[in-house]
C-alpha atoms as a PDB file:
ATOM      1  CA  UNK A   1      15.822  19.446  26.138  1.00  0.00           C
ATOM      2  CA  UNK A   2      17.556  22.063  28.679  1.00  0.00           C
ATOM      3  CA  UNK A   3      19.464  20.682  31.408  1.00  0.00           C
ATOM      4  CA  UNK A   4      21.085  20.743  34.512  1.00  0.00           C
ATOM      5  CA  UNK A   5      24.217  18.381  35.030  1.00  0.00           C
ATOM      6  CA  UNK A   6      24.718  17.624  38.527  1.00  0.00           C
ATOM      7  CA  UNK A   7      27.955  15.906  39.708  1.00  0.00           C
ATOM      8  CA  UNK A   8      28.483  13.828  43.356  1.00  0.00           C
ATOM      9  CA  UNK A   9      32.335  13.902  44.377  1.00  0.00           C
ATOM     10  CA  UNK A  10      33.673  11.344  46.381  1.00  0.00           C
ATOM     11  CA  UNK A  11      36.878  13.076  47.362  1.00  0.00           C
ATOM     12  CA  UNK A  12      39.547  11.892  48.679  1.00  0.00           C
ATOM     13  CA  UNK A  13      36.260   8.636  49.750  1.00  0.00           C
ATOM     14  CA  UNK A  14      36.047   7.651  52.958  1.00  0.00           C
ATOM     15  CA  UNK A  15      37.907  11.385  53.714  1.00  0.00           C
ATOM     16  CA  UNK A  16      36.961  15.121  52.117  1.00  0.00           C
ATOM     17  CA  UNK A  17      36.477  16.789  50.320  1.00  0.00           C
ATOM     18  CA  UNK A  18      33.406  15.574  49.011  1.00  0.00           C
ATOM     19  CA  UNK A  19      30.450  18.364  47.091  1.00  0.00           C
ATOM     20  CA  UNK A  20      27.909  18.021  44.652  1.00  0.00           C
ATOM     21  CA  UNK A  21      28.126  19.758  41.504  1.00  0.00           C
ATOM     22  CA  UNK A  22      25.646  21.729  39.200  1.00  0.00           C
ATOM     23  CA  UNK A  23      27.957  21.631  35.568  1.00  0.00           C
ATOM     24  CA  UNK A  24      25.198  23.852  32.512  1.00  0.00           C
ATOM     25  CA  UNK A  25      23.944  21.245  29.716  1.00  0.00           C
ATOM     26  CA  UNK A  26      27.889  21.916  27.616  1.00  0.00           C
ATOM     27  CA  UNK A  27      29.425  20.514  30.977  1.00  0.00           C
ATOM     28  CA  UNK A  28      30.329  24.921  31.731  1.00  0.00           C
ATOM     29  CA  UNK A  29      28.929  26.794  34.541  1.00  0.00           C
ATOM     30  CA  UNK A  30      30.147  24.915  37.747  1.00  0.00           C
ATOM     31  CA  UNK A  31      28.567  26.133  40.767  1.00  0.00           C
ATOM     32  CA  UNK A  32      28.730  24.743  44.516  1.00  0.00           C
ATOM     33  CA  UNK A  33      25.299  22.760  44.919  1.00  0.00           C
ATOM     34  CA  UNK A  34      25.593  21.163  47.962  1.00  0.00           C
ATOM     35  CA  UNK A  35      28.733  20.625  50.251  1.00  0.00           C
ATOM     36  CA  UNK A  36      26.880  20.173  53.635  1.00  0.00           C
ATOM     37  CA  UNK A  37      25.699  17.240  55.492  1.00  0.00           C
ATOM     38  CA  UNK A  38      27.826  14.577  53.116  1.00  0.00           C
ATOM     39  CA  UNK A  39      30.010  12.090  54.254  1.00  0.00           C
ATOM     40  CA  UNK A  40      31.041   9.692  51.072  1.00  0.00           C
ATOM     41  CA  UNK A  41      27.953  10.955  48.713  1.00  0.00           C
ATOM     42  CA  UNK A  42      27.544   7.683  46.673  1.00  0.00           C
ATOM     43  CA  UNK A  43      23.901   8.950  45.018  1.00  0.00           C
ATOM     44  CA  UNK A  44      22.014  12.272  43.612  1.00  0.00           C
ATOM     45  CA  UNK A  45      17.747  11.325  43.259  1.00  0.00           C
ATOM     46  CA  UNK A  46      15.001  14.571  42.941  1.00  0.00           C
ATOM     47  CA  UNK A  47      11.789  14.275  44.042  1.00  0.00           C
ATOM     48  CA  UNK A  48      10.382  16.631  41.306  1.00  0.00           C
ATOM     49  CA  UNK A  49       7.131  16.526  43.115  1.00  0.00           C
ATOM     50  CA  UNK A  50       7.877  17.712  46.715  1.00  0.00           C
ATOM     51  CA  UNK A  51      10.889  19.556  45.505  1.00  0.00           C
ATOM     52  CA  UNK A  52      13.232  18.019  47.141  1.00  0.00           C
ATOM     53  CA  UNK A  53      17.267  16.009  46.497  1.00  0.00           C
ATOM     54  CA  UNK A  54      17.875  13.224  48.159  1.00  0.00           C
ATOM     55  CA  UNK A  55      22.133  11.948  49.006  1.00  0.00           C
ATOM     56  CA  UNK A  56      23.042   8.850  50.396  1.00  0.00           C
ATOM     57  CA  UNK A  57      25.712   8.326  52.877  1.00  0.00           C
ATOM     58  CA  UNK A  58      28.339   6.230  53.167  1.00  0.00           C
ATOM     59  CA  UNK A  59      30.133   7.440  55.284  1.00  0.00           C
ATOM     60  CA  UNK A  60      27.147   8.398  57.573  1.00  0.00           C
ATOM     61  CA  UNK A  61      24.443   5.262  56.583  1.00  0.00           C
ATOM     62  CA  UNK A  62      22.039   8.232  55.929  1.00  0.00           C
ATOM     63  CA  UNK A  63      20.259   9.717  52.887  1.00  0.00           C
ATOM     64  CA  UNK A  64      19.721  13.165  53.381  1.00  0.00           C
ATOM     65  CA  UNK A  65      17.158  15.625  51.852  1.00  0.00           C
ATOM     66  CA  UNK A  66      17.937  19.409  50.516  1.00  0.00           C
ATOM     67  CA  UNK A  67      16.188  21.962  48.905  1.00  0.00           C
ATOM     68  CA  UNK A  68      16.383  20.398  45.320  1.00  0.00           C
ATOM     69  CA  UNK A  69      16.169  24.216  43.456  1.00  0.00           C
ATOM     70  CA  UNK A  70      18.621  26.369  46.342  1.00  0.00           C
ATOM     71  CA  UNK A  71      20.495  22.695  47.873  1.00  0.00           C
ATOM     72  CA  UNK A  72      19.797  23.734  51.478  1.00  0.00           C
ATOM     73  CA  UNK A  73      19.906  20.590  54.046  1.00  0.00           C
ATOM     74  CA  UNK A  74      16.407  19.774  55.090  1.00  0.00           C
ATOM     75  CA  UNK A  75      17.173  16.868  57.532  1.00  0.00           C
ATOM     76  CA  UNK A  76      17.426  13.220  57.046  1.00  0.00           C
ATOM     77  CA  UNK A  77      15.163  11.199  54.942  1.00  0.00           C
ATOM     78  CA  UNK A  78      16.569   8.066  56.374  1.00  0.00           C
ATOM     79  CA  UNK A  79      19.744   7.106  58.447  1.00  0.00           C
ATOM     80  CA  UNK A  80      20.855   4.199  59.727  1.00  0.00           C
ATOM     81  CA  UNK A  81      21.819   1.899  55.996  1.00  0.00           C
ATOM     82  CA  UNK A  82      24.375  -0.335  56.208  1.00  0.00           C
ATOM     83  CA  UNK A  83      26.245   2.016  53.474  1.00  0.00           C
ATOM     84  CA  UNK A  84      24.438   3.500  51.432  1.00  0.00           C
ATOM     85  CA  UNK A  85      25.018   3.294  47.794  1.00  0.00           C
ATOM     86  CA  UNK A  86      23.424   3.868  44.949  1.00  0.00           C
ATOM     87  CA  UNK A  87      19.775   5.016  44.974  1.00  0.00           C
ATOM     88  CA  UNK A  88      16.998   4.663  42.557  1.00  0.00           C
ATOM     89  CA  UNK A  89      12.927   5.106  41.854  1.00  0.00           C
ATOM     90  CA  UNK A  90      11.143   1.413  40.822  1.00  0.00           C
ATOM     91  CA  UNK A  91       7.749   1.117  38.560  1.00  0.00           C
ATOM     92  CA  UNK A  92       6.053   1.418  41.957  1.00  0.00           C
ATOM     93  CA  UNK A  93       7.200   4.528  43.353  1.00  0.00           C
ATOM     94  CA  UNK A  94       9.248   2.954  46.306  1.00  0.00           C
ATOM     95  CA  UNK A  95      12.903   4.354  45.973  1.00  0.00           C
ATOM     96  CA  UNK A  96      15.044   1.058  45.940  1.00  0.00           C
ATOM     97  CA  UNK A  97      18.528   1.526  48.030  1.00  0.00           C
ATOM     98  CA  UNK A  98      21.669  -0.849  47.798  1.00  0.00           C
ATOM     99  CA  UNK A  99      23.800  -1.456  50.692  1.00  0.00           C
ATOM    100  CA  UNK A 100      27.374  -2.080  50.569  1.00  0.00           C
ATOM    101  CA  UNK A 101      28.346  -3.320  54.452  1.00  0.00           C
ATOM    102  CA  UNK A 102      27.561  -6.854  55.809  1.00  0.00           C
ATOM    103  CA  UNK A 103      26.090  -8.125  52.611  1.00  0.00           C
ATOM    104  CA  UNK A 104      22.237  -5.292  53.420  1.00  0.00           C
ATOM    105  CA  UNK A 105      20.037  -6.819  51.309  1.00  0.00           C
ATOM    106  CA  UNK A 106      18.053  -4.012  48.938  1.00  0.00           C
ATOM    107  CA  UNK A 107      15.882  -1.779  50.923  1.00  0.00           C
ATOM    108  CA  UNK A 108      12.430  -0.176  49.632  1.00  0.00           C
ATOM    109  CA  UNK A 109      11.171   3.013  51.388  1.00  0.00           C
ATOM    110  CA  UNK A 110       8.922   5.494  50.451  1.00  0.00           C
ATOM    111  CA  UNK A 111       9.086   8.649  48.857  1.00  0.00           C
ATOM    112  CA  UNK A 112       8.739  10.322  51.489  1.00  0.00           C
ATOM    113  CA  UNK A 113      10.758   8.504  54.068  1.00  0.00           C
ATOM    114  CA  UNK A 114       9.675   5.847  55.594  1.00  0.00           C
ATOM    115  CA  UNK A 115      10.666   2.420  55.495  1.00  0.00           C
ATOM    116  CA  UNK A 116       8.289  -0.579  53.597  1.00  0.00           C
ATOM    117  CA  UNK A 117      10.702  -3.450  53.814  1.00  0.00           C
ATOM    118  CA  UNK A 118      14.135  -5.265  53.138  1.00  0.00           C
ATOM    119  CA  UNK A 119      12.940  -6.561  48.935  1.00  0.00           C
ATOM    120  CA  UNK A 120      15.608  -8.944  48.698  1.00  0.00           C
ATOM    121  CA  UNK A 121      15.638 -12.507  50.758  1.00  0.00           C
ATOM    122  CA  UNK A 122      19.613 -12.285  50.284  1.00  0.00           C
ATOM    123  CA  UNK A 123      22.346  -9.803  50.282  1.00  0.00           C
ATOM    124  CA  UNK A 124      24.830  -8.740  47.741  1.00  0.00           C
ATOM    125  CA  UNK A 125      28.618  -8.063  49.487  1.00  0.00           C
ATOM    126  CA  UNK A 126      29.506  -4.297  48.259  1.00  0.00           C
ATOM    127  CA  UNK A 127      26.264  -3.619  46.490  1.00  0.00           C
ATOM    128  CA  UNK A 128      26.941  -0.478  44.136  1.00  0.00           C
ATOM    129  CA  UNK A 129      24.930  -0.710  40.729  1.00  0.00           C
ATOM    130  CA  UNK A 130      21.139  -1.683  39.965  1.00  0.00           C
ATOM    131  CA  UNK A 131      19.233  -2.000  37.500  1.00  0.00           C
ATOM    132  CA  UNK A 132      16.417  -3.749  36.003  1.00  0.00           C
ATOM    133  CA  UNK A 133      15.502  -6.022  32.679  1.00  0.00           C
ATOM    134  CA  UNK A 134      12.463  -5.796  30.430  1.00  0.00           C
ATOM    135  CA  UNK A 135      10.764  -9.178  32.492  1.00  0.00           C
ATOM    136  CA  UNK A 136      11.457  -6.873  35.866  1.00  0.00           C
ATOM    137  CA  UNK A 137      14.257  -8.835  37.707  1.00  0.00           C
ATOM    138  CA  UNK A 138      16.480  -7.203  39.146  1.00  0.00           C
ATOM    139  CA  UNK A 139      19.993  -7.545  38.673  1.00  0.00           C
ATOM    140  CA  UNK A 140      22.593  -5.985  42.008  1.00  0.00           C
ATOM    141  CA  UNK A 141      26.246  -5.382  41.340  1.00  0.00           C
ATOM    142  CA  UNK A 142      28.795  -6.392  43.441  1.00  0.00           C
ATOM    143  CA  UNK A 143      32.595  -4.596  43.954  1.00  0.00           C
ATOM    144  CA  UNK A 144      33.708  -6.906  46.384  1.00  0.00           C
ATOM    145  CA  UNK A 145      33.415 -10.197  44.438  1.00  0.00           C
ATOM    146  CA  UNK A 146      32.968  -8.755  40.705  1.00  0.00           C
ATOM    147  CA  UNK A 147      29.930 -10.399  40.598  1.00  0.00           C
ATOM    148  CA  UNK A 148      26.128  -8.812  38.695  1.00  0.00           C
ATOM    149  CA  UNK A 149      23.140 -10.708  41.075  1.00  0.00           C
ATOM    150  CA  UNK A 150      20.052 -11.587  40.098  1.00  0.00           C
ATOM    151  CA  UNK A 151      16.435 -11.476  41.773  1.00  0.00           C
ATOM    152  CA  UNK A 152      13.148 -11.729  41.124  1.00  0.00           C
ATOM    153  CA  UNK A 153      10.530  -9.716  40.968  1.00  0.00           C
ATOM    154  CA  UNK A 154       9.603 -11.142  44.148  1.00  0.00           C
ATOM    155  CA  UNK A 155      13.312 -10.570  45.651  1.00  0.00           C
ATOM    156  CA  UNK A 156      14.004 -14.492  44.895  1.00  0.00           C
ATOM    157  CA  UNK A 157      17.995 -14.547  44.525  1.00  0.00           C
ATOM    158  CA  UNK A 158      18.407 -16.344  40.722  1.00  0.00           C
ATOM    159  CA  UNK A 159      21.823 -16.415  41.910  1.00  0.00           C
ATOM    160  CA  UNK A 160      25.281 -15.677  40.624  1.00  0.00           C
ATOM    161  CA  UNK A 161      23.873 -14.055  36.642  1.00  0.00           C
ATOM    162  CA  UNK A 162      27.794 -12.819  36.364  1.00  0.00           C
ATOM    163  CA  UNK A 163      30.488 -14.258  37.475  1.00  0.00           C
ATOM    164  CA  UNK A 164      33.605 -13.437  35.448  1.00  0.00           C
ATOM    165  CA  UNK A 165      34.813 -10.411  32.620  1.00  0.00           C
ATOM    166  CA  UNK A 166      34.577  -8.485  35.935  1.00  0.00           C
ATOM    167  CA  UNK A 167      36.898  -5.775  37.566  1.00  0.00           C
ATOM    168  CA  UNK A 168      35.136  -4.050  40.693  1.00  0.00           C
ATOM    169  CA  UNK A 169      31.601  -2.721  38.585  1.00  0.00           C
ATOM    170  CA  UNK A 170      30.084  -0.307  40.310  1.00  0.00           C
ATOM    171  CA  UNK A 171      26.960   1.375  37.524  1.00  0.00           C
ATOM    172  CA  UNK A 172      24.407  -0.786  35.523  1.00  0.00           C
ATOM    173  CA  UNK A 173      22.067  -0.366  32.249  1.00  0.00           C
ATOM    174  CA  UNK A 174      20.004  -2.482  30.301  1.00  0.00           C
ATOM    175  CA  UNK A 175      20.766  -1.038  26.289  1.00  0.00           C
ATOM    176  CA  UNK A 176      17.106  -0.759  24.710  1.00  0.00           C
ATOM    177  CA  UNK A 177      18.490  -4.748  22.625  1.00  0.00           C
ATOM    178  CA  UNK A 178      18.283  -6.656  26.281  1.00  0.00           C
ATOM    179  CA  UNK A 179      21.835  -6.709  25.898  1.00  0.00           C
ATOM    180  CA  UNK A 180      23.796  -5.410  30.148  1.00  0.00           C
ATOM    181  CA  UNK A 181      26.477  -3.237  30.170  1.00  0.00           C
ATOM    182  CA  UNK A 182      29.288  -2.883  33.247  1.00  0.00           C
ATOM    183  CA  UNK A 183      30.845   0.036  34.001  1.00  0.00           C
ATOM    184  CA  UNK A 184      33.861  -1.919  35.307  1.00  0.00           C
ATOM    185  CA  UNK A 185      36.022   0.803  38.164  1.00  0.00           C
ATOM    186  CA  UNK A 186      38.961  -1.430  38.666  1.00  0.00           C
ATOM    187  CA  UNK A 187      39.686  -1.814  35.478  1.00  0.00           C
ATOM    188  CA  UNK A 188      39.601   0.642  31.495  1.00  0.00           C
ATOM    189  CA  UNK A 189      36.010  -0.634  30.273  1.00  0.00           C
ATOM    190  CA  UNK A 190      32.111  -0.613  29.838  1.00  0.00           C
ATOM    191  CA  UNK A 191      31.352  -3.974  29.338  1.00  0.00           C
ATOM    192  CA  UNK A 192      28.616  -5.919  27.460  1.00  0.00           C
ATOM    193  CA  UNK A 193      26.652  -8.789  28.324  1.00  0.00           C
ATOM    194  CA  UNK A 194      23.968 -10.137  26.769  1.00  0.00           C
ATOM    195  CA  UNK A 195      20.149 -11.582  27.997  1.00  0.00           C
ATOM    196  CA  UNK A 196      21.254 -13.868  29.338  1.00  0.00           C
ATOM    197  CA  UNK A 197      25.138 -13.259  30.704  1.00  0.00           C
ATOM    198  CA  UNK A 198      27.250 -14.450  28.367  1.00  0.00           C
ATOM    199  CA  UNK A 199      29.734 -12.172  27.772  1.00  0.00           C
ATOM    200  CA  UNK A 200      30.089  -9.992  24.219  1.00  0.00           C
ATOM    201  CA  UNK A 201      33.004  -7.952  24.993  1.00  0.00           C
ATOM    202  CA  UNK A 202      34.038  -4.047  25.218  1.00  0.00           C
ATOM    203  CA  UNK A 203      31.249  -1.494  25.000  1.00  0.00           C
ATOM    204  CA  UNK A 204      33.284   1.504  26.169  1.00  0.00           C
ATOM    205  CA  UNK A 205      37.900   1.135  25.857  1.00  0.00           C
ATOM    206  CA  UNK A 206      40.398   4.090  27.972  1.00  0.00           C
ATOM    207  CA  UNK A 207      38.331   5.060  30.685  1.00  0.00           C
ATOM    208  CA  UNK A 208      39.779   4.807  34.376  1.00  0.00           C
ATOM    209  CA  UNK A 209      37.086   4.214  37.477  1.00  0.00           C
ATOM    210  CA  UNK A 210      34.388   4.901  35.633  1.00  0.00           C
ATOM    211  CA  UNK A 211      31.392   5.409  37.245  1.00  0.00           C
ATOM    212  CA  UNK A 212      27.741   7.900  37.455  1.00  0.00           C
ATOM    213  CA  UNK A 213      26.176   7.612  34.147  1.00  0.00           C
ATOM    214  CA  UNK A 214      23.552   9.611  32.544  1.00  0.00           C
ATOM    215  CA  UNK A 215      21.890   9.470  28.557  1.00  0.00           C
ATOM    216  CA  UNK A 216      21.178  12.013  26.904  1.00  0.00           C
ATOM    217  CA  UNK A 217      17.972  12.802  24.213  1.00  0.00           C
ATOM    218  CA  UNK A 218      19.251  12.002  21.504  1.00  0.00           C
ATOM    219  CA  UNK A 219      20.672   9.313  23.084  1.00  0.00           C
ATOM    220  CA  UNK A 220      24.785   9.886  23.570  1.00  0.00           C
ATOM    221  CA  UNK A 221      25.811   8.388  27.285  1.00  0.00           C
ATOM    222  CA  UNK A 222      27.562  10.754  30.651  1.00  0.00           C
ATOM    223  CA  UNK A 223      30.290   9.010  32.115  1.00  0.00           C
ATOM    224  CA  UNK A 224      31.995   9.965  35.671  1.00  0.00           C
ATOM    225  CA  UNK A 225      35.798   8.874  35.331  1.00  0.00           C
ATOM    226  CA  UNK A 226      37.472   9.461  38.030  1.00  0.00           C
ATOM    227  CA  UNK A 227      41.366   8.863  37.204  1.00  0.00           C
ATOM    228  CA  UNK A 228      41.167  12.214  35.570  1.00  0.00           C
ATOM    229  CA  UNK A 229      38.455  13.859  37.470  1.00  0.00           C
ATOM    230  CA  UNK A 230      35.679  14.591  33.941  1.00  0.00           C
ATOM    231  CA  UNK A 231      32.698  13.638  33.020  1.00  0.00           C
ATOM    232  CA  UNK A 232      33.112  12.024  28.954  1.00  0.00           C
ATOM    233  CA  UNK A 233      30.900  11.618  26.533  1.00  0.00           C
ATOM    234  CA  UNK A 234      30.156   8.825  24.355  1.00  0.00           C
ATOM    235  CA  UNK A 235      27.984   8.171  21.423  1.00  0.00           C
ATOM    236  CA  UNK A 236      25.235   5.296  21.661  1.00  0.00           C
ATOM    237  CA  UNK A 237      28.027   2.838  19.604  1.00  0.00           C
ATOM    238  CA  UNK A 238      30.420   3.649  22.618  1.00  0.00           C
ATOM    239  CA  UNK A 239      31.776   6.171  20.158  1.00  0.00           C
ATOM    240  CA  UNK A 240      34.653   9.174  22.691  1.00  0.00           C
ATOM    241  CA  UNK A 241      32.285  12.372  21.665  1.00  0.00           C
ATOM    242  CA  UNK A 242      34.129  14.712  23.902  1.00  0.00           C
ATOM    243  CA  UNK A 243      34.905  15.869  27.900  1.00  0.00           C
ATOM    244  CA  UNK A 244      32.186  17.747  28.224  1.00  0.00           C
ATOM    245  CA  UNK A 245      32.596  18.697  31.982  1.00  0.00           C
ATOM    246  CA  UNK A 246      36.992  18.888  31.919  1.00  0.00           C
ATOM    247  CA  UNK A 247      39.053  17.101  33.798  1.00  0.00           C
ATOM    248  CA  UNK A 248      38.846  18.909  37.967  1.00  0.00           C
ATOM    249  CA  UNK A 249      36.575  21.424  36.703  1.00  0.00           C
ATOM    250  CA  UNK A 250      35.169  23.014  39.692  1.00  0.00           C
ATOM    251  CA  UNK A 251      38.043  20.666  41.515  1.00  0.00           C
ATOM    252  CA  UNK A 252      35.772  17.549  40.700  1.00  0.00           C
ATOM    253  CA  UNK A 253      38.484  15.053  42.050  1.00  0.00           C
ATOM    254  CA  UNK A 254      36.222  12.036  41.980  1.00  0.00           C
ATOM    255  CA  UNK A 255      32.866  11.571  39.957  1.00  0.00           C
ATOM    256  CA  UNK A 256      31.211   9.000  40.999  1.00  0.00           C
ATOM    257  CA  UNK A 257      27.064  10.213  40.281  1.00  0.00           C
ATOM    258  CA  UNK A 258      25.623  12.118  37.446  1.00  0.00           C
ATOM    259  CA  UNK A 259      22.553  12.982  37.015  1.00  0.00           C
ATOM    260  CA  UNK A 260      20.580  15.380  34.162  1.00  0.00           C
ATOM    261  CA  UNK A 261      17.677  17.400  35.080  1.00  0.00           C
ATOM    262  CA  UNK A 262      15.409  19.794  33.613  1.00  0.00           C
ATOM    263  CA  UNK A 263      15.167  23.340  33.350  1.00  0.00           C
ATOM    264  CA  UNK A 264      11.678  24.956  34.110  1.00  0.00           C
ATOM    265  CA  UNK A 265      11.332  28.074  32.039  1.00  0.00           C
ATOM    266  CA  UNK A 266      13.320  30.702  33.855  1.00  0.00           C
ATOM    267  CA  UNK A 267      10.182  33.043  34.374  1.00  0.00           C
ATOM    268  CA  UNK A 268       8.633  30.188  36.516  1.00  0.00           C
ATOM    269  CA  UNK A 269       8.975  31.020  40.708  1.00  0.00           C
ATOM    270  CA  UNK A 270      10.268  28.042  42.295  1.00  0.00           C
ATOM    271  CA  UNK A 271       6.504  28.626  44.313  1.00  0.00           C
ATOM    272  CA  UNK A 272       4.769  24.107  44.243  1.00  0.00           C
ATOM    273  CA  UNK A 273       2.228  23.007  46.191  1.00  0.00           C
ATOM    274  CA  UNK A 274       0.006  19.372  46.422  1.00  0.00           C
ATOM    275  CA  UNK A 275      -2.750  20.212  44.632  1.00  0.00           C
ATOM    276  CA  UNK A 276      -4.838  18.205  42.961  1.00  0.00           C
ATOM    277  CA  UNK A 277      -6.154  19.448  39.130  1.00  0.00           C
ATOM    278  CA  UNK A 278      -5.450  16.460  37.170  1.00  0.00           C
ATOM    279  CA  UNK A 279      -8.476  13.703  36.611  1.00  0.00           C
ATOM    280  CA  UNK A 280      -8.631  10.849  36.871  1.00  0.00           C
ATOM    281  CA  UNK A 281      -5.796   9.725  39.523  1.00  0.00           C
ATOM    282  CA  UNK A 282      -5.119   6.759  37.224  1.00  0.00           C
ATOM    283  CA  UNK A 283      -5.610   5.396  33.491  1.00  0.00           C
ATOM    284  CA  UNK A 284      -3.895   6.310  30.071  1.00  0.00           C
ATOM    285  CA  UNK A 285      -5.996  10.429  29.556  1.00  0.00           C
ATOM    286  CA  UNK A 286      -5.742  12.687  31.533  1.00  0.00           C
ATOM    287  CA  UNK A 287      -7.531  15.753  31.831  1.00  0.00           C
ATOM    288  CA  UNK A 288      -7.997  18.433  33.562  1.00  0.00           C
ATOM    289  CA  UNK A 289     -10.741  19.110  36.402  1.00  0.00           C
ATOM    290  CA  UNK A 290     -13.276  21.805  36.270  1.00  0.00           C
ATOM    291  CA  UNK A 291     -11.739  24.251  37.475  1.00  0.00           C
ATOM    292  CA  UNK A 292      -8.515  25.271  36.348  1.00  0.00           C
ATOM    293  CA  UNK A 293      -9.141  24.995  32.779  1.00  0.00           C
ATOM    294  CA  UNK A 294      -7.653  27.972  31.302  1.00  0.00           C
ATOM    295  CA  UNK A 295      -5.599  28.872  34.171  1.00  0.00           C
ATOM    296  CA  UNK A 296      -2.808  26.747  33.244  1.00  0.00           C
ATOM    297  CA  UNK A 297       0.028  28.063  31.023  1.00  0.00           C
ATOM    298  CA  UNK A 298       2.056  25.086  30.012  1.00  0.00           C
ATOM    299  CA  UNK A 299       2.476  21.056  32.007  1.00  0.00           C
ATOM    300  CA  UNK A 300       4.901  19.207  32.045  1.00  0.00           C
ATOM    301  CA  UNK A 301       4.892  15.582  33.158  1.00  0.00           C
ATOM    302  CA  UNK A 302       7.777  13.327  34.645  1.00  0.00           C
ATOM    303  CA  UNK A 303       8.545  10.170  34.519  1.00  0.00           C
ATOM    304  CA  UNK A 304       8.730   8.885  39.045  1.00  0.00           C
ATOM    305  CA  UNK A 305      12.569   8.917  38.419  1.00  0.00           C
ATOM    306  CA  UNK A 306      12.528  13.085  37.015  1.00  0.00           C
ATOM    307  CA  UNK A 307      13.147  12.227  33.026  1.00  0.00           C
ATOM    308  CA  UNK A 308      10.478  14.157  31.495  1.00  0.00           C
ATOM    309  CA  UNK A 309       8.135  12.635  29.191  1.00  0.00           C
ATOM    310  CA  UNK A 310       5.886  14.950  27.913  1.00  0.00           C
ATOM    311  CA  UNK A 311       5.483  18.717  27.870  1.00  0.00           C
ATOM    312  CA  UNK A 312       3.222  21.856  26.602  1.00  0.00           C
ATOM    313  CA  UNK A 313       1.719  25.036  26.330  1.00  0.00           C
ATOM    314  CA  UNK A 314      -1.468  24.051  24.251  1.00  0.00           C
ATOM    315  CA  UNK A 315      -3.602  22.962  27.612  1.00  0.00           C
ATOM    316  CA  UNK A 316      -6.621  22.100  27.090  1.00  0.00           C
ATOM    317  CA  UNK A 317      -9.573  19.807  28.118  1.00  0.00           C
ATOM    318  CA  UNK A 318      -8.040  16.790  27.783  1.00  0.00           C
ATOM    319  CA  UNK A 319      -4.000  17.230  29.208  1.00  0.00           C
ATOM    320  CA  UNK A 320      -2.396  13.865  28.206  1.00  0.00           C
ATOM    321  CA  UNK A 321      -2.470  11.075  25.984  1.00  0.00           C
ATOM    322  CA  UNK A 322      -0.592   8.785  27.775  1.00  0.00           C
ATOM    323  CA  UNK A 323      -0.892   6.019  24.960  1.00  0.00           C
ATOM    324  CA  UNK A 324       3.005   4.261  25.293  1.00  0.00           C
ATOM    325  CA  UNK A 325       4.518   4.703  27.886  1.00  0.00           C
ATOM    326  CA  UNK A 326       5.016   2.139  30.883  1.00  0.00           C
ATOM    327  CA  UNK A 327       2.591   1.756  33.359  1.00  0.00           C
ATOM    328  CA  UNK A 328       4.028   3.338  36.437  1.00  0.00           C
ATOM    329  CA  UNK A 329       4.112   6.357  38.437  1.00  0.00           C
ATOM    330  CA  UNK A 330       4.487   9.784  36.826  1.00  0.00           C
ATOM    331  CA  UNK A 331       4.282  13.834  38.013  1.00  0.00           C
ATOM    332  CA  UNK A 332       2.542  15.850  36.574  1.00  0.00           C
ATOM    333  CA  UNK A 333       3.248  19.604  37.063  1.00  0.00           C
ATOM    334  CA  UNK A 334       1.124  22.761  36.212  1.00  0.00           C
ATOM    335  CA  UNK A 335       3.108  26.057  36.073  1.00  0.00           C
ATOM    336  CA  UNK A 336      -0.372  28.635  36.868  1.00  0.00           C
ATOM    337  CA  UNK A 337      -1.018  32.237  34.711  1.00  0.00           C
ATOM    338  CA  UNK A 338       0.228  34.064  38.455  1.00  0.00           C
ATOM    339  CA  UNK A 339       3.739  32.054  37.686  1.00  0.00           C
ATOM    340  CA  UNK A 340       2.808  29.244  40.344  1.00  0.00           C
ATOM    341  CA  UNK A 341       3.708  25.730  39.453  1.00  0.00           C
ATOM    342  CA  UNK A 342       1.478  22.860  41.183  1.00  0.00           C
ATOM    343  CA  UNK A 343       1.834  19.447  41.260  1.00  0.00           C
ATOM    344  CA  UNK A 344       0.106  16.022  40.829  1.00  0.00           C
ATOM    345  CA  UNK A 345       0.950  12.658  41.008  1.00  0.00           C
ATOM    346  CA  UNK A 346      -0.434  10.212  38.917  1.00  0.00           C
ATOM    347  CA  UNK A 347      -0.631   6.364  37.901  1.00  0.00           C
ATOM    348  CA  UNK A 348      -0.629   5.552  34.067  1.00  0.00           C
ATOM    349  CA  UNK A 349      -2.013   1.819  33.394  1.00  0.00           C
ATOM    350  CA  UNK A 350      -4.285   0.044  31.740  1.00  0.00           C
END
């Protein structure tokens, strides 16, 4: 996997400096990717089909839109949000947005910025972490109340899932074992809970102000660590590996989001256009449209959250068999012989 690491820097929280910094996969060669139109940035979401990156800004109630290649500001994706924090694309292909202020509900948007609805029937105070379990239930952490709330797949509140053993939770994620892992910003740990919400123990210790999490293909975990302005790498069992991003690199002050983005081959020009070149648009097996057969040098497939799930340089009539992948929206990127990039959304479903 060839990727870059993007880190949101909350700086002095509600006061600048703020920045989005890009590192290579070794945590080196930092470049300031974005340093304008930021106001206490919270999260980073790439929309690969549009070559766009979204940044949530708590201070201004705005999600800003930037060119994913150059970092150039493109305008507002959404405004009028009560302090947007974490963002994540769900299996329905919609962007879920948490609100920090006034017990705001979880909001949903189409990926062009069109508002869909307030998904949850109740808000969660100072909400800042979200994930789904294998049954499609949504979980939202509350920093201010040190709790995690559960909602069913229709957005109906099912109660407080975790009410103890937390100190200012931020990011949350479900492991393959069905356990919930919670970053304890006001503590020094990442804590593990079973599928019923019972406290198992400390998964990782020795942290300070942890916020921001990403996962490598080998199962290793990257954690933003605010107390020393670093990004730390741990193996899948929670053992410390190294400081992947050294403390204070590129003037980093307060990492609060860590996102990986696949790097396309350097010979590919950054030209992207929406083009129907795959058929059908729904199913498990996908084929090249007739006029494109013999015209593409390579194919990449990304999940809606930007993770590469397939690639090939052997482009035949049948492009991709999606057996074994979760149903949902995926993005197919085709590279032409003229080194241009085509993109198309497809739906994997039975």
